[in-house]
Amino acid sequence: MSLLEVQFEARNLLQLRPLFLHSKTTGAAEQSEVVEIAILDTAGMPLADELVKPKRHIRPTATKIHGITDEMVDSAPKWTEILPMVEELLVGKKVCIYDSESELLALRNSYQNNHNRYVLDENNFVSLMDMYARYKNDRDPRSGVFIVYSLEDAARLLGIDIEIIGYRRARDDAWLTRAILVTIAGWKLYY
């Protein structure tokens, strides 16, 4: 796939007016739960920016990354309390996420750990990590597969100023996810 084809794909996706989602988790890999969720509209305005009280404790390694502690989420709403708002925003919409594997795992775990029926259609989620890998077109010399980049590395390589972001909270990373798509599309990014 050529650079122009990926750019065209990004522009077409923006024409669909997608939402941008990012979450912060307990950091327990396969058992991770959402502790903060942010959903932005296509223009970058927040539709949701919520701390969430998980069933599990937040790992210290996760706190070092996002700065969210157990004490901060102790009085936050539980997943089941914010779920109606999350579903109202996401169901039936195109949603851009950066790392689809970890984001969708955290969403599924939060549903499952709270005994909620998972109603999100994963076909409506678009992985911008995969899109950026195709855009960058760097391949592993042995296998030939695309090399994937972290959200922070992709933003830096695209020339997006990430120094304006302090802690890596969900809203900041949702904004970076949007900025990556806008930049791939060749549109002007406003800070």
N, C-alpha and C. Protein backbone atom coordinates (compact mmCIF):
# COMPACT_ATOMS: atom_id res chain seq x y z
N MET A 1 0.85 -1.17 0.00
CA MET A 1 0.00 0.00 0.00
C MET A 1 0.90 1.24 0.00
N SER A 2 0.60 2.17 -0.84
CA SER A 2 1.43 3.37 -0.96
C SER A 2 1.04 4.41 0.09
N LEU A 3 1.93 5.37 0.28
CA LEU A 3 1.69 6.48 1.19
C LEU A 3 0.40 7.22 0.83
N LEU A 4 0.20 7.44 -0.45
CA LEU A 4 -1.00 8.15 -0.90
C LEU A 4 -2.27 7.35 -0.61
N GLU A 5 -2.21 6.05 -0.73
CA GLU A 5 -3.38 5.22 -0.42
C GLU A 5 -3.73 5.30 1.06
N VAL A 6 -2.71 5.30 1.93
CA VAL A 6 -2.96 5.41 3.37
C VAL A 6 -3.50 6.81 3.69
N GLN A 7 -2.94 7.81 3.04
CA GLN A 7 -3.43 9.18 3.25
C GLN A 7 -4.89 9.30 2.80
N PHE A 8 -5.23 8.69 1.70
CA PHE A 8 -6.61 8.69 1.20
C PHE A 8 -7.53 7.95 2.18
N GLU A 9 -7.05 6.83 2.71
CA GLU A 9 -7.81 6.07 3.70
C GLU A 9 -8.08 6.93 4.95
N ALA A 10 -7.06 7.67 5.39
CA ALA A 10 -7.21 8.54 6.57
C ALA A 10 -8.22 9.65 6.30
N ARG A 11 -8.16 10.23 5.10
CA ARG A 11 -9.11 11.30 4.75
C ARG A 11 -10.54 10.76 4.68
N ASN A 12 -10.70 9.58 4.11
CA ASN A 12 -12.03 8.97 4.05
C ASN A 12 -12.56 8.68 5.44
N LEU A 13 -11.68 8.23 6.32
CA LEU A 13 -12.09 7.94 7.70
C LEU A 13 -12.53 9.23 8.40
N LEU A 14 -11.80 10.31 8.21
CA LEU A 14 -12.19 11.58 8.81
C LEU A 14 -13.52 12.09 8.27
N GLN A 15 -13.82 11.79 7.02
CA GLN A 15 -15.11 12.18 6.43
C GLN A 15 -16.28 11.49 7.13
N LEU A 16 -16.01 10.33 7.76
CA LEU A 16 -17.05 9.59 8.49
C LEU A 16 -17.31 10.18 9.88
N ARG A 17 -16.53 11.21 10.25
CA ARG A 17 -16.66 11.87 11.55
C ARG A 17 -16.53 10.88 12.70
N PRO A 18 -15.37 10.20 12.80
CA PRO A 18 -15.20 9.20 13.85
C PRO A 18 -15.01 9.82 15.22
N LEU A 19 -15.17 8.98 16.23
CA LEU A 19 -14.83 9.35 17.60
C LEU A 19 -13.42 8.83 17.88
N PHE A 20 -12.81 9.37 18.90
CA PHE A 20 -11.47 8.94 19.30
C PHE A 20 -11.52 8.52 20.76
N LEU A 21 -11.08 7.30 21.03
CA LEU A 21 -11.17 6.75 22.38
C LEU A 21 -9.79 6.36 22.86
N HIS A 22 -9.53 6.64 24.11
CA HIS A 22 -8.34 6.11 24.77
C HIS A 22 -8.70 5.85 26.21
N SER A 23 -8.13 4.79 26.76
CA SER A 23 -8.37 4.48 28.16
C SER A 23 -7.05 4.23 28.87
N LYS A 24 -7.07 4.38 30.16
CA LYS A 24 -5.95 4.02 31.02
C LYS A 24 -6.44 2.86 31.85
N THR A 25 -5.52 1.94 32.18
CA THR A 25 -5.95 0.69 32.79
C THR A 25 -5.22 0.41 34.10
N THR A 26 -5.65 -0.68 34.73
CA THR A 26 -5.01 -1.15 35.96
C THR A 26 -3.61 -1.68 35.68
N GLY A 27 -3.32 -1.98 34.42
CA GLY A 27 -1.99 -2.42 34.05
C GLY A 27 -1.72 -3.89 34.27
N ALA A 28 -2.74 -4.69 34.39
CA ALA A 28 -2.57 -6.11 34.66
C ALA A 28 -2.59 -6.95 33.39
N ALA A 29 -2.14 -6.39 32.29
CA ALA A 29 -2.06 -7.08 30.98
C ALA A 29 -3.37 -7.76 30.62
N GLU A 30 -3.40 -9.10 30.67
CA GLU A 30 -4.60 -9.83 30.23
C GLU A 30 -5.82 -9.55 31.10
N GLN A 31 -5.60 -9.06 32.32
CA GLN A 31 -6.71 -8.79 33.23
C GLN A 31 -6.97 -7.30 33.42
N SER A 32 -6.39 -6.47 32.56
CA SER A 32 -6.49 -5.02 32.74
C SER A 32 -7.94 -4.55 32.66
N GLU A 33 -8.24 -3.57 33.49
CA GLU A 33 -9.56 -2.94 33.48
C GLU A 33 -9.39 -1.44 33.27
N VAL A 34 -10.41 -0.81 32.77
CA VAL A 34 -10.40 0.64 32.55
C VAL A 34 -10.44 1.36 33.89
N VAL A 35 -9.52 2.33 34.08
CA VAL A 35 -9.55 3.21 35.25
C VAL A 35 -9.81 4.66 34.84
N GLU A 36 -9.66 4.93 33.55
CA GLU A 36 -10.01 6.24 33.01
C GLU A 36 -10.33 6.07 31.53
N ILE A 37 -11.37 6.75 31.07
CA ILE A 37 -11.75 6.66 29.67
C ILE A 37 -12.03 8.06 29.15
N ALA A 38 -11.55 8.31 27.94
CA ALA A 38 -11.82 9.59 27.28
C ALA A 38 -12.30 9.29 25.87
N ILE A 39 -13.35 10.00 25.47
CA ILE A 39 -13.89 9.89 24.12
C ILE A 39 -14.00 11.31 23.58
N LEU A 40 -13.37 11.53 22.43
CA LEU A 40 -13.41 12.85 21.79
C LEU A 40 -14.19 12.76 20.49
N ASP A 41 -14.79 13.88 20.09
CA ASP A 41 -15.45 13.91 18.79
C ASP A 41 -14.41 14.19 17.71
N THR A 42 -14.83 14.28 16.48
CA THR A 42 -13.90 14.45 15.36
C THR A 42 -13.10 15.75 15.47
N ALA A 43 -13.71 16.77 16.05
CA ALA A 43 -13.02 18.06 16.22
C ALA A 43 -12.07 18.07 17.41
N GLY A 44 -12.09 17.01 18.21
CA GLY A 44 -11.21 16.93 19.37
C GLY A 44 -11.84 17.39 20.67
N MET A 45 -13.14 17.65 20.62
CA MET A 45 -13.84 18.09 21.84
C MET A 45 -14.22 16.86 22.67
N PRO A 46 -14.05 16.94 23.99
CA PRO A 46 -14.36 15.78 24.84
C PRO A 46 -15.86 15.53 24.96
N LEU A 47 -16.24 14.29 24.73
CA LEU A 47 -17.62 13.85 24.95
C LEU A 47 -17.71 13.11 26.28
N ALA A 48 -16.59 12.50 26.67
CA ALA A 48 -16.49 11.79 27.95
C ALA A 48 -15.04 11.86 28.41
N ASP A 49 -14.86 12.06 29.70
CA ASP A 49 -13.53 12.09 30.32
C ASP A 49 -13.75 11.72 31.77
N GLU A 50 -13.70 10.42 32.05
CA GLU A 50 -14.12 9.91 33.36
C GLU A 50 -13.09 9.00 33.99
N LEU A 51 -12.87 9.18 35.29
CA LEU A 51 -12.17 8.18 36.08
C LEU A 51 -13.17 7.08 36.38
N VAL A 52 -12.69 5.85 36.51
CA VAL A 52 -13.56 4.70 36.74
C VAL A 52 -12.97 3.85 37.86
N LYS A 53 -13.81 3.47 38.80
CA LYS A 53 -13.34 2.61 39.89
C LYS A 53 -13.33 1.16 39.40
N PRO A 54 -12.14 0.55 39.31
CA PRO A 54 -12.06 -0.84 38.84
C PRO A 54 -12.29 -1.83 39.98
N LYS A 55 -12.45 -3.09 39.62
CA LYS A 55 -12.58 -4.15 40.63
C LYS A 55 -11.21 -4.51 41.21
N ARG A 56 -10.16 -4.36 40.40
CA ARG A 56 -8.81 -4.70 40.82
C ARG A 56 -8.03 -3.43 41.20
N HIS A 57 -6.92 -3.65 41.90
CA HIS A 57 -6.04 -2.53 42.24
C HIS A 57 -5.23 -2.10 41.03
N ILE A 58 -4.85 -0.83 41.00
CA ILE A 58 -4.01 -0.31 39.93
C ILE A 58 -2.56 -0.66 40.27
N ARG A 59 -1.88 -1.26 39.34
CA ARG A 59 -0.48 -1.64 39.56
C ARG A 59 0.41 -0.40 39.61
N PRO A 60 1.44 -0.43 40.46
CA PRO A 60 2.37 0.70 40.57
C PRO A 60 3.03 1.06 39.23
N THR A 61 3.30 0.07 38.40
CA THR A 61 3.91 0.35 37.09
C THR A 61 2.96 1.15 36.21
N ALA A 62 1.67 0.88 36.32
CA ALA A 62 0.68 1.64 35.55
C ALA A 62 0.57 3.06 36.09
N THR A 63 0.59 3.21 37.40
CA THR A 63 0.52 4.54 38.02
C THR A 63 1.70 5.41 37.58
N LYS A 64 2.87 4.81 37.43
CA LYS A 64 4.05 5.58 36.97
C LYS A 64 3.84 6.14 35.58
N ILE A 65 3.05 5.47 34.76
CA ILE A 65 2.81 5.92 33.39
C ILE A 65 1.72 6.99 33.34
N HIS A 66 0.57 6.69 33.97
CA HIS A 66 -0.56 7.62 33.83
C HIS A 66 -0.84 8.47 35.06
N GLY A 67 -0.22 8.16 36.18
CA GLY A 67 -0.39 8.99 37.37
C GLY A 67 -1.67 8.75 38.15
N ILE A 68 -2.45 7.74 37.76
CA ILE A 68 -3.74 7.47 38.43
C ILE A 68 -3.50 6.44 39.53
N THR A 69 -3.96 6.75 40.73
CA THR A 69 -3.78 5.87 41.89
C THR A 69 -5.12 5.29 42.32
N ASP A 70 -5.05 4.26 43.17
CA ASP A 70 -6.27 3.68 43.75
C ASP A 70 -7.07 4.73 44.51
N GLU A 71 -6.37 5.62 45.20
CA GLU A 71 -7.04 6.67 45.97
C GLU A 71 -7.83 7.61 45.05
N MET A 72 -7.28 7.90 43.89
CA MET A 72 -7.96 8.81 42.95
C MET A 72 -9.26 8.22 42.42
N VAL A 73 -9.32 6.91 42.26
CA VAL A 73 -10.52 6.28 41.69
C VAL A 73 -11.45 5.72 42.76
N ASP A 74 -11.06 5.86 44.02
CA ASP A 74 -11.86 5.29 45.11
C ASP A 74 -13.28 5.83 45.13
N SER A 75 -13.46 7.11 44.84
CA SER A 75 -14.80 7.69 44.84
C SER A 75 -15.36 7.88 43.42
N ALA A 76 -14.64 7.36 42.43
CA ALA A 76 -15.10 7.46 41.03
C ALA A 76 -16.25 6.50 40.77
N PRO A 77 -17.05 6.77 39.75
CA PRO A 77 -18.13 5.84 39.42
C PRO A 77 -17.57 4.49 38.95
N LYS A 78 -18.34 3.45 39.19
CA LYS A 78 -17.95 2.11 38.72
C LYS A 78 -18.27 2.00 37.23
N TRP A 79 -17.70 0.98 36.60
CA TRP A 79 -17.90 0.77 35.17
C TRP A 79 -19.40 0.70 34.83
N THR A 80 -20.17 -0.02 35.62
CA THR A 80 -21.59 -0.16 35.33
C THR A 80 -22.33 1.18 35.40
N GLU A 81 -21.81 2.14 36.15
CA GLU A 81 -22.45 3.45 36.28
C GLU A 81 -22.19 4.33 35.06
N ILE A 82 -21.03 4.19 34.42
CA ILE A 82 -20.74 5.02 33.25
C ILE A 82 -21.06 4.28 31.95
N LEU A 83 -21.34 2.99 32.04
CA LEU A 83 -21.58 2.17 30.85
C LEU A 83 -22.70 2.71 29.96
N PRO A 84 -23.84 3.15 30.48
CA PRO A 84 -24.88 3.69 29.57
C PRO A 84 -24.37 4.86 28.73
N MET A 85 -23.58 5.76 29.32
CA MET A 85 -23.04 6.89 28.58
C MET A 85 -22.04 6.40 27.52
N VAL A 86 -21.17 5.47 27.89
CA VAL A 86 -20.16 4.94 26.96
C VAL A 86 -20.85 4.27 25.78
N GLU A 87 -21.83 3.44 26.05
CA GLU A 87 -22.53 2.75 24.97
C GLU A 87 -23.31 3.72 24.09
N GLU A 88 -23.94 4.73 24.69
CA GLU A 88 -24.68 5.71 23.90
C GLU A 88 -23.74 6.42 22.92
N LEU A 89 -22.53 6.70 23.36
CA LEU A 89 -21.56 7.37 22.50
C LEU A 89 -20.98 6.45 21.43
N LEU A 90 -20.72 5.18 21.77
CA LEU A 90 -19.94 4.31 20.89
C LEU A 90 -20.74 3.39 19.97
N VAL A 91 -21.88 2.91 20.42
CA VAL A 91 -22.61 1.92 19.64
C VAL A 91 -23.04 2.51 18.30
N GLY A 92 -22.65 1.81 17.24
CA GLY A 92 -23.02 2.21 15.89
C GLY A 92 -22.13 3.28 15.28
N LYS A 93 -21.09 3.70 16.00
CA LYS A 93 -20.20 4.76 15.51
C LYS A 93 -18.85 4.17 15.11
N LYS A 94 -18.17 4.86 14.22
CA LYS A 94 -16.79 4.53 13.87
C LYS A 94 -15.92 5.12 14.96
N VAL A 95 -15.03 4.31 15.54
CA VAL A 95 -14.21 4.75 16.68
C VAL A 95 -12.74 4.47 16.38
N CYS A 96 -11.94 5.50 16.46
CA CYS A 96 -10.49 5.36 16.26
C CYS A 96 -9.81 5.14 17.61
N ILE A 97 -8.99 4.13 17.67
CA ILE A 97 -8.18 3.84 18.84
C ILE A 97 -6.76 3.62 18.33
N TYR A 98 -5.78 3.75 19.19
CA TYR A 98 -4.42 3.56 18.69
C TYR A 98 -4.06 2.08 18.71
N ASP A 99 -3.96 1.50 19.88
CA ASP A 99 -3.59 0.08 20.00
C ASP A 99 -4.87 -0.73 20.23
N SER A 100 -5.41 -1.24 19.16
CA SER A 100 -6.72 -1.91 19.26
C SER A 100 -6.68 -3.13 20.18
N GLU A 101 -5.59 -3.86 20.17
CA GLU A 101 -5.53 -5.08 20.98
C GLU A 101 -5.68 -4.75 22.47
N SER A 102 -4.90 -3.81 22.97
CA SER A 102 -4.96 -3.51 24.41
C SER A 102 -6.22 -2.72 24.78
N GLU A 103 -6.66 -1.81 23.91
CA GLU A 103 -7.87 -1.04 24.21
C GLU A 103 -9.10 -1.94 24.29
N LEU A 104 -9.25 -2.79 23.28
CA LEU A 104 -10.43 -3.66 23.25
C LEU A 104 -10.39 -4.70 24.37
N LEU A 105 -9.20 -5.17 24.72
CA LEU A 105 -9.07 -6.11 25.84
C LEU A 105 -9.53 -5.45 27.14
N ALA A 106 -9.10 -4.21 27.38
CA ALA A 106 -9.50 -3.51 28.61
C ALA A 106 -11.01 -3.27 28.63
N LEU A 107 -11.59 -2.93 27.49
CA LEU A 107 -13.04 -2.75 27.44
C LEU A 107 -13.77 -4.06 27.70
N ARG A 108 -13.34 -5.13 27.04
CA ARG A 108 -13.98 -6.45 27.25
C ARG A 108 -13.86 -6.88 28.71
N ASN A 109 -12.67 -6.69 29.32
CA ASN A 109 -12.48 -7.07 30.72
C ASN A 109 -13.37 -6.26 31.66
N SER A 110 -13.51 -4.98 31.38
CA SER A 110 -14.36 -4.14 32.23
C SER A 110 -15.82 -4.60 32.14
N TYR A 111 -16.25 -4.93 30.95
CA TYR A 111 -17.60 -5.49 30.79
C TYR A 111 -17.73 -6.80 31.57
N GLN A 112 -16.81 -7.71 31.32
CA GLN A 112 -16.87 -9.06 31.90
C GLN A 112 -16.77 -9.02 33.43
N ASN A 113 -15.84 -8.25 33.96
CA ASN A 113 -15.64 -8.21 35.41
C ASN A 113 -16.82 -7.60 36.15
N ASN A 114 -17.65 -6.86 35.43
CA ASN A 114 -18.84 -6.26 36.04
C ASN A 114 -20.12 -6.96 35.60
N HIS A 115 -19.96 -8.11 34.95
CA HIS A 115 -21.08 -8.95 34.51
C HIS A 115 -22.04 -8.22 33.58
N ASN A 116 -21.47 -7.43 32.66
CA ASN A 116 -22.26 -6.74 31.65
C ASN A 116 -22.10 -7.44 30.31
N ARG A 117 -23.17 -7.44 29.54
CA ARG A 117 -23.11 -8.04 28.20
C ARG A 117 -22.36 -7.09 27.27
N TYR A 118 -21.36 -7.62 26.58
CA TYR A 118 -20.52 -6.84 25.67
C TYR A 118 -21.30 -6.58 24.39
N VAL A 119 -21.60 -5.32 24.11
CA VAL A 119 -22.43 -4.97 22.96
C VAL A 119 -21.70 -4.19 21.88
N LEU A 120 -20.42 -3.91 22.10
CA LEU A 120 -19.67 -3.12 21.13
C LEU A 120 -19.28 -3.97 19.93
N ASP A 121 -19.46 -3.42 18.75
CA ASP A 121 -19.07 -4.11 17.51
C ASP A 121 -17.63 -3.75 17.20
N GLU A 122 -16.73 -4.70 17.38
CA GLU A 122 -15.31 -4.42 17.20
C GLU A 122 -14.94 -4.09 15.76
N ASN A 123 -15.83 -4.36 14.82
CA ASN A 123 -15.59 -3.97 13.43
C ASN A 123 -15.70 -2.46 13.24
N ASN A 124 -16.31 -1.77 14.20
CA ASN A 124 -16.42 -0.31 14.13
C ASN A 124 -15.19 0.40 14.69
N PHE A 125 -14.25 -0.36 15.24
CA PHE A 125 -13.04 0.23 15.81
C PHE A 125 -11.92 0.16 14.78
N VAL A 126 -11.20 1.25 14.63
CA VAL A 126 -10.10 1.35 13.66
C VAL A 126 -8.79 1.52 14.41
N SER A 127 -7.84 0.65 14.14
CA SER A 127 -6.53 0.72 14.78
C SER A 127 -5.63 1.70 14.03
N LEU A 128 -5.32 2.80 14.67
CA LEU A 128 -4.42 3.77 14.06
C LEU A 128 -2.96 3.33 14.18
N MET A 129 -2.67 2.39 15.07
CA MET A 129 -1.33 1.82 15.13
C MET A 129 -1.04 1.08 13.82
N ASP A 130 -2.03 0.32 13.37
CA ASP A 130 -1.87 -0.41 12.10
C ASP A 130 -1.80 0.56 10.92
N MET A 131 -2.64 1.60 10.94
CA MET A 131 -2.62 2.57 9.85
C MET A 131 -1.28 3.29 9.81
N TYR A 132 -0.76 3.68 10.98
CA TYR A 132 0.52 4.37 10.99
C TYR A 132 1.64 3.44 10.51
N ALA A 133 1.58 2.16 10.85
CA ALA A 133 2.60 1.21 10.39
C ALA A 133 2.60 1.13 8.86
N ARG A 134 1.42 1.14 8.26
CA ARG A 134 1.33 1.13 6.79
C ARG A 134 1.81 2.46 6.21
N TYR A 135 1.50 3.55 6.89
CA TYR A 135 1.92 4.88 6.45
C TYR A 135 3.45 4.99 6.49
N LYS A 136 4.04 4.55 7.59
CA LYS A 136 5.49 4.62 7.77
C LYS A 136 6.20 3.65 6.82
N ASN A 137 5.58 2.49 6.59
CA ASN A 137 6.05 1.49 5.64
C ASN A 137 7.44 0.94 5.98
N ASP A 138 7.75 0.86 7.28
CA ASP A 138 8.99 0.19 7.71
C ASP A 138 8.65 -1.27 7.96
N ARG A 139 9.47 -2.14 7.38
CA ARG A 139 9.22 -3.57 7.52
C ARG A 139 10.39 -4.26 8.20
N ASP A 140 10.06 -5.30 8.93
CA ASP A 140 11.09 -6.14 9.53
C ASP A 140 11.84 -6.83 8.39
N PRO A 141 13.17 -6.74 8.36
CA PRO A 141 13.92 -7.31 7.24
C PRO A 141 13.79 -8.83 7.13
N ARG A 142 13.55 -9.50 8.23
CA ARG A 142 13.43 -10.96 8.20
C ARG A 142 12.05 -11.43 7.76
N SER A 143 11.03 -10.90 8.44
CA SER A 143 9.68 -11.40 8.20
C SER A 143 8.92 -10.61 7.14
N GLY A 144 9.30 -9.36 6.95
CA GLY A 144 8.60 -8.52 5.99
C GLY A 144 7.34 -7.88 6.53
N VAL A 145 7.01 -8.11 7.82
CA VAL A 145 5.81 -7.51 8.41
C VAL A 145 6.10 -6.07 8.80
N PHE A 146 5.06 -5.26 8.85
CA PHE A 146 5.21 -3.87 9.22
C PHE A 146 5.69 -3.76 10.67
N ILE A 147 6.57 -2.81 10.91
CA ILE A 147 7.01 -2.50 12.27
C ILE A 147 5.98 -1.55 12.86
N VAL A 148 5.56 -1.84 14.10
CA VAL A 148 4.58 -0.98 14.76
C VAL A 148 5.32 -0.06 15.74
N TYR A 149 4.73 1.10 15.95
CA TYR A 149 5.32 2.13 16.82
C TYR A 149 4.35 2.46 17.94
N SER A 150 4.91 2.83 19.08
CA SER A 150 4.07 3.27 20.19
C SER A 150 3.39 4.58 19.81
N LEU A 151 2.37 4.92 20.54
CA LEU A 151 1.64 6.17 20.31
C LEU A 151 2.59 7.36 20.38
N GLU A 152 3.42 7.38 21.40
CA GLU A 152 4.37 8.48 21.59
C GLU A 152 5.38 8.55 20.44
N ASP A 153 5.93 7.41 20.03
CA ASP A 153 6.90 7.40 18.94
C ASP A 153 6.27 7.83 17.62
N ALA A 154 5.07 7.35 17.35
CA ALA A 154 4.38 7.74 16.11
C ALA A 154 4.15 9.24 16.08
N ALA A 155 3.71 9.80 17.20
CA ALA A 155 3.46 11.24 17.27
C ALA A 155 4.77 12.01 17.03
N ARG A 156 5.83 11.60 17.68
CA ARG A 156 7.12 12.28 17.50
C ARG A 156 7.59 12.20 16.05
N LEU A 157 7.49 11.01 15.46
CA LEU A 157 7.95 10.82 14.08
C LEU A 157 7.13 11.64 13.09
N LEU A 158 5.88 11.94 13.44
CA LEU A 158 5.04 12.77 12.59
C LEU A 158 5.24 14.27 12.85
N GLY A 159 6.07 14.59 13.83
CA GLY A 159 6.34 15.99 14.14
C GLY A 159 5.30 16.63 15.04
N ILE A 160 4.52 15.83 15.74
CA ILE A 160 3.51 16.35 16.65
C ILE A 160 4.19 16.68 17.98
N ASP A 161 3.96 17.88 18.49
CA ASP A 161 4.59 18.32 19.72
C ASP A 161 3.92 17.65 20.91
N ILE A 162 4.61 16.66 21.49
CA ILE A 162 4.04 15.97 22.65
C ILE A 162 4.59 16.52 23.96
N GLU A 163 5.49 17.47 23.87
CA GLU A 163 6.06 18.07 25.08
C GLU A 163 5.02 18.90 25.83
N ILE A 164 3.93 19.27 25.16
CA ILE A 164 2.90 20.06 25.82
C ILE A 164 2.04 19.20 26.75
N ILE A 165 2.24 17.88 26.68
CA ILE A 165 1.46 16.96 27.50
C ILE A 165 2.27 16.56 28.73
N GLY A 166 1.67 16.72 29.91
CA GLY A 166 2.34 16.34 31.15
C GLY A 166 2.25 14.85 31.36
N TYR A 167 1.40 14.46 32.29
CA TYR A 167 1.13 13.04 32.48
C TYR A 167 0.40 12.50 31.28
N ARG A 168 0.52 11.23 31.01
CA ARG A 168 -0.13 10.61 29.87
C ARG A 168 -1.52 10.13 30.29
N ARG A 169 -2.45 11.05 30.42
CA ARG A 169 -3.80 10.71 30.80
C ARG A 169 -4.62 10.34 29.56
N ALA A 170 -5.79 9.77 29.76
CA ALA A 170 -6.61 9.26 28.65
C ALA A 170 -6.99 10.35 27.65
N ARG A 171 -7.38 11.51 28.16
CA ARG A 171 -7.79 12.59 27.26
C ARG A 171 -6.62 13.05 26.39
N ASP A 172 -5.43 13.15 26.99
CA ASP A 172 -4.24 13.55 26.23
C ASP A 172 -3.92 12.54 25.14
N ASP A 173 -4.02 11.26 25.47
CA ASP A 173 -3.71 10.23 24.47
C ASP A 173 -4.80 10.10 23.42
N ALA A 174 -6.04 10.37 23.78
CA ALA A 174 -7.10 10.41 22.76
C ALA A 174 -6.83 11.56 21.80
N TRP A 175 -6.37 12.69 22.34
CA TRP A 175 -6.02 13.83 21.49
C TRP A 175 -4.85 13.47 20.56
N LEU A 176 -3.84 12.76 21.09
CA LEU A 176 -2.71 12.33 20.26
C LEU A 176 -3.17 11.37 19.16
N THR A 177 -4.09 10.48 19.49
CA THR A 177 -4.62 9.54 18.50
C THR A 177 -5.28 10.31 17.36
N ARG A 178 -6.08 11.31 17.71
CA ARG A 178 -6.72 12.16 16.70
C ARG A 178 -5.67 12.91 15.88
N ALA A 179 -4.67 13.45 16.56
CA ALA A 179 -3.62 14.21 15.88
C ALA A 179 -2.87 13.34 14.87
N ILE A 180 -2.66 12.08 15.20
CA ILE A 180 -1.98 11.16 14.27
C ILE A 180 -2.82 10.97 13.01
N LEU A 181 -4.12 10.74 13.16
CA LEU A 181 -4.97 10.55 11.99
C LEU A 181 -5.02 11.82 11.14
N VAL A 182 -5.18 12.96 11.78
CA VAL A 182 -5.25 14.23 11.05
C VAL A 182 -3.95 14.48 10.28
N THR A 183 -2.83 14.18 10.90
CA THR A 183 -1.53 14.38 10.26
C THR A 183 -1.32 13.41 9.11
N ILE A 184 -1.69 12.14 9.29
CA ILE A 184 -1.58 11.17 8.19
C ILE A 184 -2.43 11.63 7.01
N ALA A 185 -3.59 12.18 7.30
CA ALA A 185 -4.49 12.66 6.24
C ALA A 185 -3.94 13.89 5.53
N GLY A 186 -2.92 14.51 6.11
CA GLY A 186 -2.33 15.69 5.50
C GLY A 186 -3.08 16.97 5.84
N TRP A 187 -3.94 16.91 6.85
CA TRP A 187 -4.70 18.08 7.27
C TRP A 187 -3.90 18.85 8.30
N LYS A 188 -4.22 20.10 8.48
CA LYS A 188 -3.52 20.95 9.44
C LYS A 188 -4.00 20.61 10.85
N LEU A 189 -3.04 20.51 11.76
CA LEU A 189 -3.33 20.21 13.14
C LEU A 189 -3.27 21.48 13.96
N TYR A 190 -4.34 21.77 14.68
CA TYR A 190 -4.38 22.96 15.54
C TYR A 190 -4.25 22.52 16.99
N TYR A 191 -3.38 23.21 17.71
CA TYR A 191 -3.15 22.88 19.12
C TYR A 191 -4.07 23.67 20.00
